[in-house]
Full PDB file with SEQRES, HELIX, SHEET, SSBOND, CRYST1, ORIGX, SCALE, CONECT and MASTER records, all heavy atoms in Angstrom:
SEQRES   1 A   37  ALA THR GLY ARG ALA MET ASN TYR LEU ALA GLU ASP ILE          
SEQRES   2 A   37  SER MET ILE ASP ILE ASP CYS GLU TYR TYR ILE CYS ASN          
SEQRES   3 A   37  ASP GLY GLY VAL ILE PHE ASP ARG TYR PHE ASN                  
HELIX    1 AA1 MET A    6  ILE A   13  1                                   8    
HELIX    2 AA2 ASN A   26  GLY A   28  5                                   3    
SHEET    1 AA1 2 TYR A  22  CYS A  25  0                                        
SHEET    2 AA1 2 VAL A  30  ASP A  33 -1                                        
CRYST1    1.000    1.000    1.000  90.00  90.00  90.00 P 1           1          
ORIGX1      1.000000  0.000000  0.000000        0.00000                         
ORIGX2      0.000000  1.000000  0.000000        0.00000                         
ORIGX3      0.000000  0.000000  1.000000        0.00000                         
SCALE1      1.000000  0.000000  0.000000        0.00000                         
SCALE2      0.000000  1.000000  0.000000        0.00000                         
SCALE3      0.000000  0.000000  1.000000        0.00000                         
ATOM      1  N   ALA A   1     -11.233  52.865  11.172  1.00  0.00           N  
ATOM      2  CA  ALA A   1     -11.096  52.943  12.627  1.00  0.00           C  
ATOM      3  C   ALA A   1     -10.125  51.857  13.065  1.00  0.00           C  
ATOM      4  O   ALA A   1     -10.418  50.669  12.943  1.00  0.00           O  
ATOM      5  CB  ALA A   1     -12.447  52.768  13.312  1.00  0.00           C  
ATOM      6  N   THR A   2      -8.982  52.247  13.584  1.00  0.00           N  
ATOM      7  CA  THR A   2      -7.916  51.296  13.871  1.00  0.00           C  
ATOM      8  C   THR A   2      -7.270  51.538  15.231  1.00  0.00           C  
ATOM      9  O   THR A   2      -7.330  52.655  15.760  1.00  0.00           O  
ATOM     10  CB  THR A   2      -6.833  51.382  12.765  1.00  0.00           C  
ATOM     11  OG1 THR A   2      -5.763  50.478  13.063  1.00  0.00           O  
ATOM     12  CG2 THR A   2      -6.272  52.784  12.645  1.00  0.00           C  
ATOM     13  N   GLY A   3      -6.643  50.506  15.748  1.00  0.00           N  
ATOM     14  CA  GLY A   3      -5.844  50.665  16.949  1.00  0.00           C  
ATOM     15  C   GLY A   3      -4.471  51.234  16.651  1.00  0.00           C  
ATOM     16  O   GLY A   3      -3.745  51.625  17.567  1.00  0.00           O  
ATOM     17  N   ARG A   4      -4.109  51.290  15.376  1.00  0.00           N  
ATOM     18  CA  ARG A   4      -2.788  51.800  14.993  1.00  0.00           C  
ATOM     19  C   ARG A   4      -2.676  53.302  15.196  1.00  0.00           C  
ATOM     20  O   ARG A   4      -3.657  54.038  15.116  1.00  0.00           O  
ATOM     21  CB  ARG A   4      -2.528  51.522  13.521  1.00  0.00           C  
ATOM     22  CG  ARG A   4      -2.403  50.077  13.099  1.00  0.00           C  
ATOM     23  CD  ARG A   4      -1.830  50.029  11.711  1.00  0.00           C  
ATOM     24  NE  ARG A   4      -1.867  48.715  11.088  1.00  0.00           N  
ATOM     25  CZ  ARG A   4      -1.121  48.379  10.047  1.00  0.00           C  
ATOM     26  NH1 ARG A   4      -0.293  49.262   9.508  1.00  0.00           N  
ATOM     27  NH2 ARG A   4      -1.215  47.186   9.522  1.00  0.00           N  
ATOM     28  N   ALA A   5      -1.438  53.747  15.406  1.00  0.00           N  
ATOM     29  CA  ALA A   5      -1.129  55.168  15.334  1.00  0.00           C  
ATOM     30  C   ALA A   5      -1.068  55.571  13.861  1.00  0.00           C  
ATOM     31  O   ALA A   5      -0.853  54.729  12.992  1.00  0.00           O  
ATOM     32  CB  ALA A   5       0.215  55.459  16.006  1.00  0.00           C  
ATOM     33  N   MET A   6      -1.252  56.851  13.578  1.00  0.00           N  
ATOM     34  CA  MET A   6      -1.290  57.303  12.194  1.00  0.00           C  
ATOM     35  C   MET A   6       0.004  56.998  11.448  1.00  0.00           C  
ATOM     36  O   MET A   6      -0.017  56.580  10.285  1.00  0.00           O  
ATOM     37  CB  MET A   6      -1.606  58.792  12.127  1.00  0.00           C  
ATOM     38  CG  MET A   6      -1.500  59.403  10.720  1.00  0.00           C  
ATOM     39  SD  MET A   6      -2.390  58.472   9.435  1.00  0.00           S  
ATOM     40  CE  MET A   6      -4.067  58.985   9.757  1.00  0.00           C  
ATOM     41  N   ASN A   7       1.162  57.199  12.089  1.00  0.00           N  
ATOM     42  CA  ASN A   7       2.419  56.948  11.383  1.00  0.00           C  
ATOM     43  C   ASN A   7       2.557  55.477  10.984  1.00  0.00           C  
ATOM     44  O   ASN A   7       3.108  55.151   9.937  1.00  0.00           O  
ATOM     45  CB  ASN A   7       3.615  57.382  12.225  1.00  0.00           C  
ATOM     46  CG  ASN A   7       3.714  56.643  13.546  1.00  0.00           C  
ATOM     47  OD1 ASN A   7       2.720  56.498  14.256  1.00  0.00           O  
ATOM     48  ND2 ASN A   7       4.899  56.195  13.899  1.00  0.00           N  
ATOM     49  N   TYR A   8       2.012  54.590  11.803  1.00  0.00           N  
ATOM     50  CA  TYR A   8       2.058  53.158  11.500  1.00  0.00           C  
ATOM     51  C   TYR A   8       1.034  52.795  10.430  1.00  0.00           C  
ATOM     52  O   TYR A   8       1.294  51.993   9.541  1.00  0.00           O  
ATOM     53  CB  TYR A   8       1.829  52.374  12.787  1.00  0.00           C  
ATOM     54  CG  TYR A   8       1.977  50.886  12.678  1.00  0.00           C  
ATOM     55  CD1 TYR A   8       2.907  50.303  11.817  1.00  0.00           C  
ATOM     56  CD2 TYR A   8       1.188  50.051  13.453  1.00  0.00           C  
ATOM     57  CE1 TYR A   8       3.039  48.929  11.730  1.00  0.00           C  
ATOM     58  CE2 TYR A   8       1.304  48.666  13.371  1.00  0.00           C  
ATOM     59  CZ  TYR A   8       2.233  48.113  12.502  1.00  0.00           C  
ATOM     60  OH  TYR A   8       2.350  46.755  12.418  1.00  0.00           O  
ATOM     61  N   LEU A   9      -0.140  53.413  10.501  1.00  0.00           N  
ATOM     62  CA  LEU A   9      -1.153  53.191   9.469  1.00  0.00           C  
ATOM     63  C   LEU A   9      -0.672  53.706   8.120  1.00  0.00           C  
ATOM     64  O   LEU A   9      -0.884  53.067   7.081  1.00  0.00           O  
ATOM     65  CB  LEU A   9      -2.451  53.899   9.862  1.00  0.00           C  
ATOM     66  CG  LEU A   9      -3.594  53.852   8.841  1.00  0.00           C  
ATOM     67  CD1 LEU A   9      -4.087  52.419   8.643  1.00  0.00           C  
ATOM     68  CD2 LEU A   9      -4.741  54.762   9.281  1.00  0.00           C  
ATOM     69  N   ALA A  10      -0.013  54.868   8.132  1.00  0.00           N  
ATOM     70  CA  ALA A  10       0.425  55.504   6.884  1.00  0.00           C  
ATOM     71  C   ALA A  10       1.362  54.616   6.073  1.00  0.00           C  
ATOM     72  O   ALA A  10       1.407  54.718   4.845  1.00  0.00           O  
ATOM     73  CB  ALA A  10       1.098  56.838   7.195  1.00  0.00           C  
ATOM     74  N   GLU A  11       2.100  53.743   6.747  1.00  0.00           N  
ATOM     75  CA  GLU A  11       3.015  52.854   6.039  1.00  0.00           C  
ATOM     76  C   GLU A  11       2.282  51.975   5.034  1.00  0.00           C  
ATOM     77  O   GLU A  11       2.802  51.657   3.967  1.00  0.00           O  
ATOM     78  CB  GLU A  11       3.767  51.961   7.042  1.00  0.00           C  
ATOM     79  CG  GLU A  11       4.719  52.717   7.952  1.00  0.00           C  
ATOM     80  CD  GLU A  11       5.377  51.791   8.960  1.00  0.00           C  
ATOM     81  OE1 GLU A  11       5.209  50.549   8.828  1.00  0.00           O  
ATOM     82  OE2 GLU A  11       6.049  52.281   9.880  1.00  0.00           O  
ATOM     83  N   ASP A  12       1.046  51.588   5.372  1.00  0.00           N  
ATOM     84  CA  ASP A  12       0.310  50.656   4.520  1.00  0.00           C  
ATOM     85  C   ASP A  12      -0.736  51.319   3.629  1.00  0.00           C  
ATOM     86  O   ASP A  12      -1.306  50.662   2.756  1.00  0.00           O  
ATOM     87  CB  ASP A  12      -0.360  49.579   5.377  1.00  0.00           C  
ATOM     88  CG  ASP A  12       0.652  48.598   5.944  1.00  0.00           C  
ATOM     89  OD1 ASP A  12       1.482  48.100   5.166  1.00  0.00           O  
ATOM     90  OD2 ASP A  12       0.625  48.350   7.158  1.00  0.00           O  
ATOM     91  N   ILE A  13      -1.016  52.605   3.843  1.00  0.00           N  
ATOM     92  CA  ILE A  13      -1.991  53.275   2.975  1.00  0.00           C  
ATOM     93  C   ILE A  13      -1.346  54.284   2.037  1.00  0.00           C  
ATOM     94  O   ILE A  13      -2.008  54.810   1.143  1.00  0.00           O  
ATOM     95  CB  ILE A  13      -3.111  53.965   3.785  1.00  0.00           C  
ATOM     96  CG1 ILE A  13      -2.552  55.100   4.660  1.00  0.00           C  
ATOM     97  CG2 ILE A  13      -3.872  52.944   4.623  1.00  0.00           C  
ATOM     98  CD1 ILE A  13      -3.625  55.935   5.310  1.00  0.00           C  
ATOM     99  N   SER A  14      -0.049  54.551   2.216  1.00  0.00           N  
ATOM    100  CA  SER A  14       0.609  55.593   1.424  1.00  0.00           C  
ATOM    101  C   SER A  14       0.722  55.220  -0.050  1.00  0.00           C  
ATOM    102  O   SER A  14       0.791  56.103  -0.903  1.00  0.00           O  
ATOM    103  CB  SER A  14       2.008  55.887   1.983  1.00  0.00           C  
ATOM    104  OG  SER A  14       2.822  54.728   1.939  1.00  0.00           O  
ATOM    105  N   MET A  15       0.728  53.927  -0.368  1.00  0.00           N  
ATOM    106  CA  MET A  15       0.921  53.489  -1.744  1.00  0.00           C  
ATOM    107  C   MET A  15      -0.384  53.079  -2.422  1.00  0.00           C  
ATOM    108  O   MET A  15      -0.364  52.543  -3.525  1.00  0.00           O  
ATOM    109  CB  MET A  15       1.911  52.326  -1.788  1.00  0.00           C  
ATOM    110  CG  MET A  15       3.279  52.655  -1.213  1.00  0.00           C  
ATOM    111  SD  MET A  15       4.071  54.048  -2.063  1.00  0.00           S  
ATOM    112  CE  MET A  15       4.384  53.299  -3.661  1.00  0.00           C  
ATOM    113  N   ILE A  16      -1.520  53.328  -1.761  1.00  0.00           N  
ATOM    114  CA  ILE A  16      -2.804  52.964  -2.358  1.00  0.00           C  
ATOM    115  C   ILE A  16      -3.676  54.204  -2.510  1.00  0.00           C  
ATOM    116  O   ILE A  16      -3.446  55.231  -1.880  1.00  0.00           O  
ATOM    117  CB  ILE A  16      -3.555  51.916  -1.507  1.00  0.00           C  
ATOM    118  CG1 ILE A  16      -3.871  52.496  -0.112  1.00  0.00           C  
ATOM    119  CG2 ILE A  16      -2.765  50.634  -1.399  1.00  0.00           C  
ATOM    120  CD1 ILE A  16      -4.797  51.632   0.704  1.00  0.00           C  
ATOM    121  N   ASP A  17      -4.679  54.099  -3.345  1.00  0.00           N  
ATOM    122  CA  ASP A  17      -5.621  55.186  -3.568  1.00  0.00           C  
ATOM    123  C   ASP A  17      -6.955  54.785  -2.960  1.00  0.00           C  
ATOM    124  O   ASP A  17      -7.764  54.101  -3.584  1.00  0.00           O  
ATOM    125  CB  ASP A  17      -5.763  55.447  -5.077  1.00  0.00           C  
ATOM    126  CG  ASP A  17      -6.744  56.570  -5.363  1.00  0.00           C  
ATOM    127  OD1 ASP A  17      -7.013  57.364  -4.445  1.00  0.00           O  
ATOM    128  OD2 ASP A  17      -7.240  56.649  -6.512  1.00  0.00           O  
ATOM    129  N   ILE A  18      -7.173  55.195  -1.706  1.00  0.00           N  
ATOM    130  CA  ILE A  18      -8.410  54.860  -1.003  1.00  0.00           C  
ATOM    131  C   ILE A  18      -9.155  56.142  -0.665  1.00  0.00           C  
ATOM    132  O   ILE A  18      -8.568  57.088  -0.131  1.00  0.00           O  
ATOM    133  CB  ILE A  18      -8.134  54.021   0.264  1.00  0.00           C  
ATOM    134  CG1 ILE A  18      -9.444  53.644   0.949  1.00  0.00           C  
ATOM    135  CG2 ILE A  18      -7.186  54.726   1.219  1.00  0.00           C  
ATOM    136  CD1 ILE A  18      -9.289  52.630   2.062  1.00  0.00           C  
ATOM    137  N   ASP A  19     -10.431  56.173  -0.978  1.00  0.00           N  
ATOM    138  CA  ASP A  19     -11.246  57.368  -0.761  1.00  0.00           C  
ATOM    139  C   ASP A  19     -11.827  57.314   0.646  1.00  0.00           C  
ATOM    140  O   ASP A  19     -12.953  56.866   0.867  1.00  0.00           O  
ATOM    141  CB  ASP A  19     -12.354  57.440  -1.807  1.00  0.00           C  
ATOM    142  CG  ASP A  19     -12.939  58.842  -1.930  1.00  0.00           C  
ATOM    143  OD1 ASP A  19     -12.739  59.640  -0.999  1.00  0.00           O  
ATOM    144  OD2 ASP A  19     -13.570  59.129  -2.957  1.00  0.00           O  
ATOM    145  N   CYS A  20     -11.022  57.765   1.607  1.00  0.00           N  
ATOM    146  CA  CYS A  20     -11.377  57.681   3.028  1.00  0.00           C  
ATOM    147  C   CYS A  20     -11.586  59.094   3.588  1.00  0.00           C  
ATOM    148  O   CYS A  20     -10.723  59.950   3.434  1.00  0.00           O  
ATOM    149  CB  CYS A  20     -10.261  56.955   3.789  1.00  0.00           C  
ATOM    150  SG  CYS A  20     -10.624  56.646   5.514  1.00  0.00           S  
ATOM    151  N   GLU A  21     -12.708  59.309   4.241  1.00  0.00           N  
ATOM    152  CA  GLU A  21     -13.050  60.648   4.740  1.00  0.00           C  
ATOM    153  C   GLU A  21     -12.396  60.954   6.080  1.00  0.00           C  
ATOM    154  O   GLU A  21     -11.975  62.080   6.337  1.00  0.00           O  
ATOM    155  CB  GLU A  21     -14.561  60.783   4.870  1.00  0.00           C  
ATOM    156  CG  GLU A  21     -15.048  62.211   5.105  1.00  0.00           C  
ATOM    157  CD  GLU A  21     -14.839  63.108   3.894  1.00  0.00           C  
ATOM    158  OE1 GLU A  21     -14.737  62.602   2.766  1.00  0.00           O  
ATOM    159  OE2 GLU A  21     -14.772  64.345   4.090  1.00  0.00           O  
ATOM    160  N   TYR A  22     -12.321  59.963   6.961  1.00  0.00           N  
ATOM    161  CA  TYR A  22     -11.700  60.144   8.280  1.00  0.00           C  
ATOM    162  C   TYR A  22     -10.885  58.905   8.627  1.00  0.00           C  
ATOM    163  O   TYR A  22     -11.195  57.793   8.195  1.00  0.00           O  
ATOM    164  CB  TYR A  22     -12.752  60.341   9.387  1.00  0.00           C  
ATOM    165  CG  TYR A  22     -13.620  61.551   9.228  1.00  0.00           C  
ATOM    166  CD1 TYR A  22     -14.914  61.437   8.730  1.00  0.00           C  
ATOM    167  CD2 TYR A  22     -13.155  62.826   9.578  1.00  0.00           C  
ATOM    168  CE1 TYR A  22     -15.731  62.547   8.583  1.00  0.00           C  
ATOM    169  CE2 TYR A  22     -13.967  63.944   9.429  1.00  0.00           C  
ATOM    170  CZ  TYR A  22     -15.245  63.797   8.935  1.00  0.00           C  
ATOM    171  OH  TYR A  22     -16.054  64.898   8.782  1.00  0.00           O  
ATOM    172  N   TYR A  23      -9.861  59.139   9.446  1.00  0.00           N  
ATOM    173  CA  TYR A  23      -9.048  58.058   9.996  1.00  0.00           C  
ATOM    174  C   TYR A  23      -9.147  58.139  11.516  1.00  0.00           C  
ATOM    175  O   TYR A  23      -8.612  59.071  12.136  1.00  0.00           O  
ATOM    176  CB  TYR A  23      -7.593  58.186   9.558  1.00  0.00           C  
ATOM    177  CG  TYR A  23      -7.401  58.180   8.059  1.00  0.00           C  
ATOM    178  CD1 TYR A  23      -7.382  59.375   7.330  1.00  0.00           C  
ATOM    179  CD2 TYR A  23      -7.228  56.989   7.359  1.00  0.00           C  
ATOM    180  CE1 TYR A  23      -7.207  59.379   5.958  1.00  0.00           C  
ATOM    181  CE2 TYR A  23      -7.049  56.980   5.984  1.00  0.00           C  
ATOM    182  CZ  TYR A  23      -7.042  58.176   5.292  1.00  0.00           C  
ATOM    183  OH  TYR A  23      -6.877  58.179   3.930  1.00  0.00           O  
ATOM    184  N   ILE A  24      -9.840  57.181  12.112  1.00  0.00           N  
ATOM    185  CA  ILE A  24      -9.931  57.090  13.572  1.00  0.00           C  
ATOM    186  C   ILE A  24      -8.772  56.205  14.017  1.00  0.00           C  
ATOM    187  O   ILE A  24      -8.740  55.007  13.710  1.00  0.00           O  
ATOM    188  CB  ILE A  24     -11.275  56.487  14.005  1.00  0.00           C  
ATOM    189  CG1 ILE A  24     -12.430  57.390  13.574  1.00  0.00           C  
ATOM    190  CG2 ILE A  24     -11.300  56.246  15.515  1.00  0.00           C  
ATOM    191  CD1 ILE A  24     -13.812  56.767  13.768  1.00  0.00           C  
ATOM    192  N   CYS A  25      -7.808  56.779  14.718  1.00  0.00           N  
ATOM    193  CA  CYS A  25      -6.606  56.039  15.129  1.00  0.00           C  
ATOM    194  C   CYS A  25      -6.555  55.869  16.643  1.00  0.00           C  
ATOM    195  O   CYS A  25      -7.325  56.489  17.382  1.00  0.00           O  
ATOM    196  CB  CYS A  25      -5.358  56.766  14.626  1.00  0.00           C  
ATOM    197  SG  CYS A  25      -5.197  56.791  12.825  1.00  0.00           S  
ATOM    198  N   ASN A  26      -5.623  55.030  17.074  1.00  0.00           N  
ATOM    199  CA  ASN A  26      -5.427  54.773  18.511  1.00  0.00           C  
ATOM    200  C   ASN A  26      -6.730  54.383  19.199  1.00  0.00           C  
ATOM    201  O   ASN A  26      -7.032  54.847  20.302  1.00  0.00           O  
ATOM    202  CB  ASN A  26      -4.796  55.992  19.200  1.00  0.00           C  
ATOM    203  CG  ASN A  26      -3.404  56.282  18.691  1.00  0.00           C  
ATOM    204  OD1 ASN A  26      -2.816  55.471  17.983  1.00  0.00           O  
ATOM    205  ND2 ASN A  26      -2.874  57.449  19.016  1.00  0.00           N  
ATOM    206  N   ASP A  27      -7.517  53.535  18.517  1.00  0.00           N  
ATOM    207  CA  ASP A  27      -8.779  53.031  19.066  1.00  0.00           C  
ATOM    208  C   ASP A  27      -9.765  54.134  19.405  1.00  0.00           C  
ATOM    209  O   ASP A  27     -10.613  53.970  20.280  1.00  0.00           O  
ATOM    210  CB  ASP A  27      -8.521  52.159  20.303  1.00  0.00           C  
ATOM    211  CG  ASP A  27      -7.921  50.814  19.936  1.00  0.00           C  
ATOM    212  OD1 ASP A  27      -8.428  50.182  19.000  1.00  0.00           O  
ATOM    213  OD2 ASP A  27      -6.941  50.398  20.584  1.00  0.00           O  
ATOM    214  N   GLY A  28      -9.642  55.277  18.736  1.00  0.00           N  
ATOM    215  CA  GLY A  28     -10.564  56.384  18.976  1.00  0.00           C  
ATOM    216  C   GLY A  28      -9.943  57.546  19.720  1.00  0.00           C  
ATOM    217  O   GLY A  28     -10.619  58.545  19.985  1.00  0.00           O  
ATOM    218  N   GLY A  29      -8.665  57.449  20.024  1.00  0.00           N  
ATOM    219  CA  GLY A  29      -8.000  58.521  20.757  1.00  0.00           C  
ATOM    220  C   GLY A  29      -7.788  59.775  19.929  1.00  0.00           C  
ATOM    221  O   GLY A  29      -7.658  60.880  20.467  1.00  0.00           O  
ATOM    222  N   VAL A  30      -7.774  59.620  18.598  1.00  0.00           N  
ATOM    223  CA  VAL A  30      -7.554  60.759  17.709  1.00  0.00           C  
ATOM    224  C   VAL A  30      -8.256  60.489  16.385  1.00  0.00           C  
ATOM    225  O   VAL A  30      -8.343  59.350  15.939  1.00  0.00           O  
ATOM    226  CB  VAL A  30      -6.034  61.008  17.486  1.00  0.00           C  
ATOM    227  CG1 VAL A  30      -5.351  59.809  16.862  1.00  0.00           C  
ATOM    228  CG2 VAL A  30      -5.789  62.266  16.668  1.00  0.00           C  
ATOM    229  N   ILE A  31      -8.784  61.564  15.792  1.00  0.00           N  
ATOM    230  CA  ILE A  31      -9.423  61.471  14.482  1.00  0.00           C  
ATOM    231  C   ILE A  31      -8.737  62.444  13.535  1.00  0.00           C  
ATOM    232  O   ILE A  31      -8.590  63.633  13.850  1.00  0.00           O  
ATOM    233  CB  ILE A  31     -10.925  61.802  14.541  1.00  0.00           C  
ATOM    234  CG1 ILE A  31     -11.645  60.932  15.570  1.00  0.00           C  
ATOM    235  CG2 ILE A  31     -11.567  61.629  13.155  1.00  0.00           C  
ATOM    236  CD1 ILE A  31     -13.093  61.323  15.790  1.00  0.00           C  
ATOM    237  N   PHE A  32      -8.328  61.936  12.374  1.00  0.00           N  
ATOM    238  CA  PHE A  32      -7.770  62.767  11.305  1.00  0.00           C  
ATOM    239  C   PHE A  32      -8.780  62.858  10.175  1.00  0.00           C  
ATOM    240  O   PHE A  32      -9.492  61.883   9.883  1.00  0.00           O  
ATOM    241  CB  PHE A  32      -6.485  62.140  10.747  1.00  0.00           C  
ATOM    242  CG  PHE A  32      -5.372  62.011  11.743  1.00  0.00           C  
ATOM    243  CD1 PHE A  32      -5.274  60.902  12.569  1.00  0.00           C  
ATOM    244  CD2 PHE A  32      -4.392  62.998  11.847  1.00  0.00           C  
ATOM    245  CE1 PHE A  32      -4.238  60.774  13.480  1.00  0.00           C  
ATOM    246  CE2 PHE A  32      -3.349  62.877  12.752  1.00  0.00           C  
ATOM    247  CZ  PHE A  32      -3.273  61.764  13.570  1.00  0.00           C  
ATOM    248  N   ASP A  33      -8.838  64.022   9.513  1.00  0.00           N  
ATOM    249  CA  ASP A  33      -9.680  64.120   8.329  1.00  0.00           C  
ATOM    250  C   ASP A  33      -8.939  63.565   7.118  1.00  0.00           C  
ATOM    251  O   ASP A  33      -7.812  63.077   7.236  1.00  0.00           O  
ATOM    252  CB  ASP A  33     -10.171  65.551   8.103  1.00  0.00           C  
ATOM    253  CG  ASP A  33      -9.059  66.543   7.741  1.00  0.00           C  
ATOM    254  OD1 ASP A  33      -7.943  66.116   7.376  1.00  0.00           O  
ATOM    255  OD2 ASP A  33      -9.312  67.760   7.826  1.00  0.00           O  
ATOM    256  N   ARG A  34      -9.531  63.648   5.943  1.00  0.00           N  
ATOM    257  CA  ARG A  34      -8.942  63.054   4.741  1.00  0.00           C  
ATOM    258  C   ARG A  34      -7.613  63.702   4.365  1.00  0.00           C  
ATOM    259  O   ARG A  34      -6.817  63.114   3.642  1.00  0.00           O  
ATOM    260  CB  ARG A  34      -9.920  63.129   3.580  1.00  0.00           C  
ATOM    261  CG  ARG A  34     -10.258  64.516   3.107  1.00  0.00           C  
ATOM    262  CD  ARG A  34     -11.350  64.498   2.030  1.00  0.00           C  
ATOM    263  NE  ARG A  34     -10.967  63.737   0.876  1.00  0.00           N  
ATOM    264  CZ  ARG A  34     -11.550  62.613   0.481  1.00  0.00           C  
ATOM    265  NH1 ARG A  34     -12.570  62.114   1.164  1.00  0.00           N  
ATOM    266  NH2 ARG A  34     -11.148  61.983  -0.601  1.00  0.00           N  
ATOM    267  N   TYR A  35      -7.358  64.914   4.897  1.00  0.00           N  
ATOM    268  CA  TYR A  35      -6.100  65.611   4.616  1.00  0.00           C  
ATOM    269  C   TYR A  35      -5.101  65.454   5.760  1.00  0.00           C  
ATOM    270  O   TYR A  35      -4.095  66.146   5.814  1.00  0.00           O  
ATOM    271  CB  TYR A  35      -6.376  67.083   4.352  1.00  0.00           C  
ATOM    272  CG  TYR A  35      -7.399  67.299   3.258  1.00  0.00           C  
ATOM    273  CD1 TYR A  35      -8.687  67.732   3.565  1.00  0.00           C  
ATOM    274  CD2 TYR A  35      -7.100  67.023   1.921  1.00  0.00           C  
ATOM    275  CE1 TYR A  35      -9.638  67.908   2.562  1.00  0.00           C  
ATOM    276  CE2 TYR A  35      -8.047  67.195   0.922  1.00  0.00           C  
ATOM    277  CZ  TYR A  35      -9.315  67.633   1.252  1.00  0.00           C  
ATOM    278  OH  TYR A  35     -10.258  67.798   0.264  1.00  0.00           O  
ATOM    279  N   PHE A  36      -5.429  64.576   6.724  1.00  0.00           N  
ATOM    280  CA  PHE A  36      -4.570  64.240   7.863  1.00  0.00           C  
ATOM    281  C   PHE A  36      -4.439  65.386   8.870  1.00  0.00           C  
ATOM    282  O   PHE A  36      -3.460  65.479   9.596  1.00  0.00           O  
ATOM    283  CB  PHE A  36      -3.197  63.753   7.396  1.00  0.00           C  
ATOM    284  CG  PHE A  36      -3.288  62.607   6.430  1.00  0.00           C  
ATOM    285  CD1 PHE A  36      -3.030  62.782   5.088  1.00  0.00           C  
ATOM    286  CD2 PHE A  36      -3.668  61.345   6.869  1.00  0.00           C  
ATOM    287  CE1 PHE A  36      -3.138  61.730   4.186  1.00  0.00           C  
ATOM    288  CE2 PHE A  36      -3.786  60.287   5.986  1.00  0.00           C  
ATOM    289  CZ  PHE A  36      -3.526  60.477   4.638  1.00  0.00           C  
ATOM    290  N   ASN A  37      -5.449  66.259   8.906  1.00  0.00           N  
ATOM    291  CA  ASN A  37      -5.559  67.259   9.965  1.00  0.00           C  
ATOM    292  C   ASN A  37      -6.278  66.621  11.159  1.00  0.00           C  
ATOM    293  O   ASN A  37      -7.233  65.859  10.983  1.00  0.00           O  
ATOM    294  CB  ASN A  37      -6.365  68.468   9.500  1.00  0.00           C  
ATOM    295  CG  ASN A  37      -5.731  69.158   8.310  1.00  0.00           C  
ATOM    296  OD1 ASN A  37      -4.569  69.544   8.353  1.00  0.00           O  
ATOM    297  ND2 ASN A  37      -6.498  69.319   7.236  1.00  0.00           N  
TER     298      ASN A  37                                                      
MASTER        0    0    0    2    2    0    0    6  297    1    0    3          
END                                                                             
C-alpha cells in the first residue's frame, strides 16, 4: 500500500521477485491485482 503511482512503483519492483497479491497505489485511489489489472 503506497502513495506512489503504479508506474513509479514499477521502477523499483520490476527487477525483484516479490510475491505480492495486490498493489494499493495512490494512497488507496486504485488497486491492482498481482497481474497489474
